[in-house]
């Protein structure tokens, strides 16, 4: 009787090992492989194009007679507007997927992170959809940006009080 139980246990263990091997093969098959150098090249190209567009806007605004600060403001405004419009048409997510951090790190990525949830949750209404979900991605960035600014301001103020700065 014990020999029969041992054989059954061995068969179960063998089945488990086979299932484990099949699962590992499945995971290996569906796990995407990434080429780091290619991703960096895509990010470099995408970020470079965004920066070139920004520089074009700055130069054009400067040629129109605007001072540097006003030209910079217009540049930021236009880049944010382009990002939101491209997000609305579903183009920016494709650019971000191809360009990775090159599209997501500049100001365009921040605009996309605010616009995308607003577009996604608009069906739930103005308050519970857009109002509640608009800062789901950008909210932590804003929160920690403000908190870090506050901490650095306090450190600076204490430093001024003791004559360090």
Protein backbone atom coordinates (compact mmCIF):
# COMPACT_ATOMS: atom_id res chain seq x y z
CA UNK A 1 0.00 0.00 0.00
CA UNK A 2 2.82 2.38 0.92
CA UNK A 3 4.54 1.66 -2.37
CA UNK A 4 1.39 2.66 -4.26
CA UNK A 5 1.19 5.98 -2.31
CA UNK A 6 4.85 6.67 -3.02
CA UNK A 7 4.30 6.10 -6.74
CA UNK A 8 1.30 8.45 -6.70
CA UNK A 9 3.35 11.13 -4.89
CA UNK A 10 6.17 10.74 -7.42
CA UNK A 11 3.74 11.11 -10.31
CA UNK A 12 2.24 14.24 -8.72
CA UNK A 13 5.70 15.72 -8.21
CA UNK A 14 6.57 14.91 -11.82
CA UNK A 15 3.37 16.62 -13.02
CA UNK A 16 4.15 19.69 -10.89
CA UNK A 17 7.67 19.90 -12.33
CA UNK A 18 6.30 19.63 -15.86
CA UNK A 19 3.72 22.30 -15.14
CA UNK A 20 6.43 24.52 -13.64
CA UNK A 21 8.59 24.08 -16.77
CA UNK A 22 5.62 24.83 -19.04
CA UNK A 23 4.82 27.93 -16.99
CA UNK A 24 8.43 29.14 -17.15
CA UNK A 25 8.44 28.64 -20.92
CA UNK A 26 5.15 30.55 -21.19
CA UNK A 27 6.48 33.44 -19.11
CA UNK A 28 9.64 33.56 -21.19
CA UNK A 29 7.58 33.59 -24.39
CA UNK A 30 5.25 36.43 -23.35
CA UNK A 31 7.79 38.59 -21.52
CA UNK A 32 8.87 41.39 -23.85
CA UNK A 33 12.56 41.85 -24.46
CA UNK A 34 13.96 45.36 -24.51
CA UNK A 35 17.01 46.74 -26.21
CA UNK A 36 18.34 49.44 -23.88
CA UNK A 37 20.47 51.14 -26.54
CA UNK A 38 17.57 51.31 -28.98
CA UNK A 39 15.27 52.72 -26.29
CA UNK A 40 17.85 55.37 -25.43
CA UNK A 41 18.18 56.27 -29.11
CA UNK A 42 14.40 56.63 -29.42
CA UNK A 43 14.29 58.81 -26.28
CA UNK A 44 17.16 60.94 -27.59
CA UNK A 45 15.50 61.46 -30.96
CA UNK A 46 12.07 62.20 -29.47
CA UNK A 47 13.40 64.57 -26.82
CA UNK A 48 15.63 66.22 -29.41
CA UNK A 49 12.71 66.83 -31.76
CA UNK A 50 10.65 68.33 -28.92
CA UNK A 51 13.57 70.56 -27.96
CA UNK A 52 14.08 71.61 -31.58
CA UNK A 53 10.40 72.54 -31.82
CA UNK A 54 10.79 74.54 -28.61
CA UNK A 55 13.90 76.28 -29.92
CA UNK A 56 12.10 77.09 -33.17
CA UNK A 57 9.26 78.66 -31.19
CA UNK A 58 11.76 80.67 -29.11
CA UNK A 59 13.60 81.90 -32.20
CA UNK A 60 10.39 82.76 -34.01
CA UNK A 61 9.03 84.65 -31.00
CA UNK A 62 12.36 86.47 -30.66
CA UNK A 63 12.21 87.47 -34.32
CA UNK A 64 8.74 88.88 -33.70
CA UNK A 65 10.31 91.24 -31.15
CA UNK A 66 9.39 89.48 -27.91
CA UNK A 67 11.87 89.55 -25.03
CA UNK A 68 13.43 86.28 -23.79
CA UNK A 69 11.06 85.79 -20.87
CA UNK A 70 7.90 86.40 -22.91
CA UNK A 71 9.21 84.18 -25.73
CA UNK A 72 9.91 81.43 -23.16
CA UNK A 73 6.38 81.74 -21.79
CA UNK A 74 4.91 81.46 -25.28
CA UNK A 75 7.14 78.47 -26.00
CA UNK A 76 5.94 76.66 -22.87
CA UNK A 77 2.34 77.54 -23.62
CA UNK A 78 2.51 76.30 -27.21
CA UNK A 79 4.30 73.06 -26.26
CA UNK A 80 1.68 72.34 -23.59
CA UNK A 81 -1.11 73.12 -26.04
CA UNK A 82 0.42 70.84 -28.69
CA UNK A 83 0.80 68.06 -26.14
CA UNK A 84 -2.81 68.32 -24.98
CA UNK A 85 -4.16 68.45 -28.54
CA UNK A 86 -2.04 65.46 -29.58
CA UNK A 87 -3.20 63.61 -26.45
CA UNK A 88 -6.81 64.36 -27.35
CA UNK A 89 -6.36 62.90 -30.82
CA UNK A 90 -4.55 59.83 -29.42
CA UNK A 91 -1.26 60.71 -31.11
CA UNK A 92 0.85 61.66 -28.08
CA UNK A 93 0.51 58.22 -26.41
CA UNK A 94 1.95 56.65 -29.57
CA UNK A 95 4.82 59.15 -29.54
CA UNK A 96 5.41 58.45 -25.84
CA UNK A 97 5.36 54.69 -26.40
CA UNK A 98 7.99 55.00 -29.12
CA UNK A 99 10.06 57.77 -27.53
CA UNK A 100 9.78 56.78 -23.87
CA UNK A 101 11.34 59.28 -21.50
CA UNK A 102 12.21 61.55 -24.41
CA UNK A 103 8.53 62.45 -24.69
CA UNK A 104 7.53 62.09 -21.05
CA UNK A 105 10.23 64.08 -19.28
CA UNK A 106 9.82 67.52 -20.91
CA UNK A 107 6.87 69.81 -20.19
CA UNK A 108 4.92 67.96 -22.88
CA UNK A 109 4.86 64.83 -20.74
CA UNK A 110 3.45 66.73 -17.79
CA UNK A 111 0.70 68.20 -19.97
CA UNK A 112 -0.08 64.72 -21.27
CA UNK A 113 -0.27 63.34 -17.72
CA UNK A 114 -2.93 65.92 -16.86
CA UNK A 115 -4.90 65.69 -20.11
CA UNK A 116 -4.99 61.89 -20.47
CA UNK A 117 -7.00 61.15 -17.29
CA UNK A 118 -9.37 64.02 -18.05
CA UNK A 119 -10.10 62.53 -21.46
CA UNK A 120 -10.32 58.98 -20.12
CA UNK A 121 -12.78 59.76 -17.32
CA UNK A 122 -14.94 62.41 -19.01
CA UNK A 123 -17.79 59.90 -19.38
CA UNK A 124 -18.12 59.78 -15.58
CA UNK A 125 -19.04 63.45 -15.46
CA UNK A 126 -17.46 66.79 -14.70
CA UNK A 127 -17.08 66.32 -10.94
CA UNK A 128 -16.61 62.60 -10.33
CA UNK A 129 -14.89 61.96 -13.65
CA UNK A 130 -12.71 64.84 -14.72
CA UNK A 131 -12.58 66.64 -11.36
CA UNK A 132 -11.57 63.58 -9.35
CA UNK A 133 -9.26 61.91 -11.83
CA UNK A 134 -7.50 64.78 -13.61
CA UNK A 135 -4.49 64.81 -11.28
CA UNK A 136 -4.13 61.06 -10.72
CA UNK A 137 -0.78 61.01 -12.50
CA UNK A 138 0.33 64.62 -12.12
CA UNK A 139 -0.90 64.95 -8.53
CA UNK A 140 2.09 63.28 -6.86
CA UNK A 141 4.45 65.38 -8.98
CA UNK A 142 2.71 68.57 -7.88
CA UNK A 143 2.50 67.43 -4.24
CA UNK A 144 6.16 66.49 -3.91
CA UNK A 145 7.26 69.51 -5.92
CA UNK A 146 5.45 71.85 -3.53
CA UNK A 147 6.62 69.92 -0.47
CA UNK A 148 10.25 69.94 -1.64
CA UNK A 149 10.04 73.66 -2.37
CA UNK A 150 8.69 74.25 1.12
CA UNK A 151 11.44 72.17 2.76
CA UNK A 152 14.15 73.94 0.76
CA UNK A 153 12.58 77.30 1.62
CA UNK A 154 12.69 76.48 5.33
CA UNK A 155 16.31 75.31 5.04
CA UNK A 156 17.18 78.52 3.18
CA UNK A 157 15.36 80.66 5.77
CA UNK A 158 17.18 78.93 8.66
CA UNK A 159 20.45 79.33 6.79
CA UNK A 160 19.77 83.06 6.33
CA UNK A 161 18.95 83.41 10.04
CA UNK A 162 22.32 81.88 11.00
CA UNK A 163 24.27 83.71 8.30
CA UNK A 164 25.10 80.59 6.28
CA UNK A 165 23.57 81.99 3.07
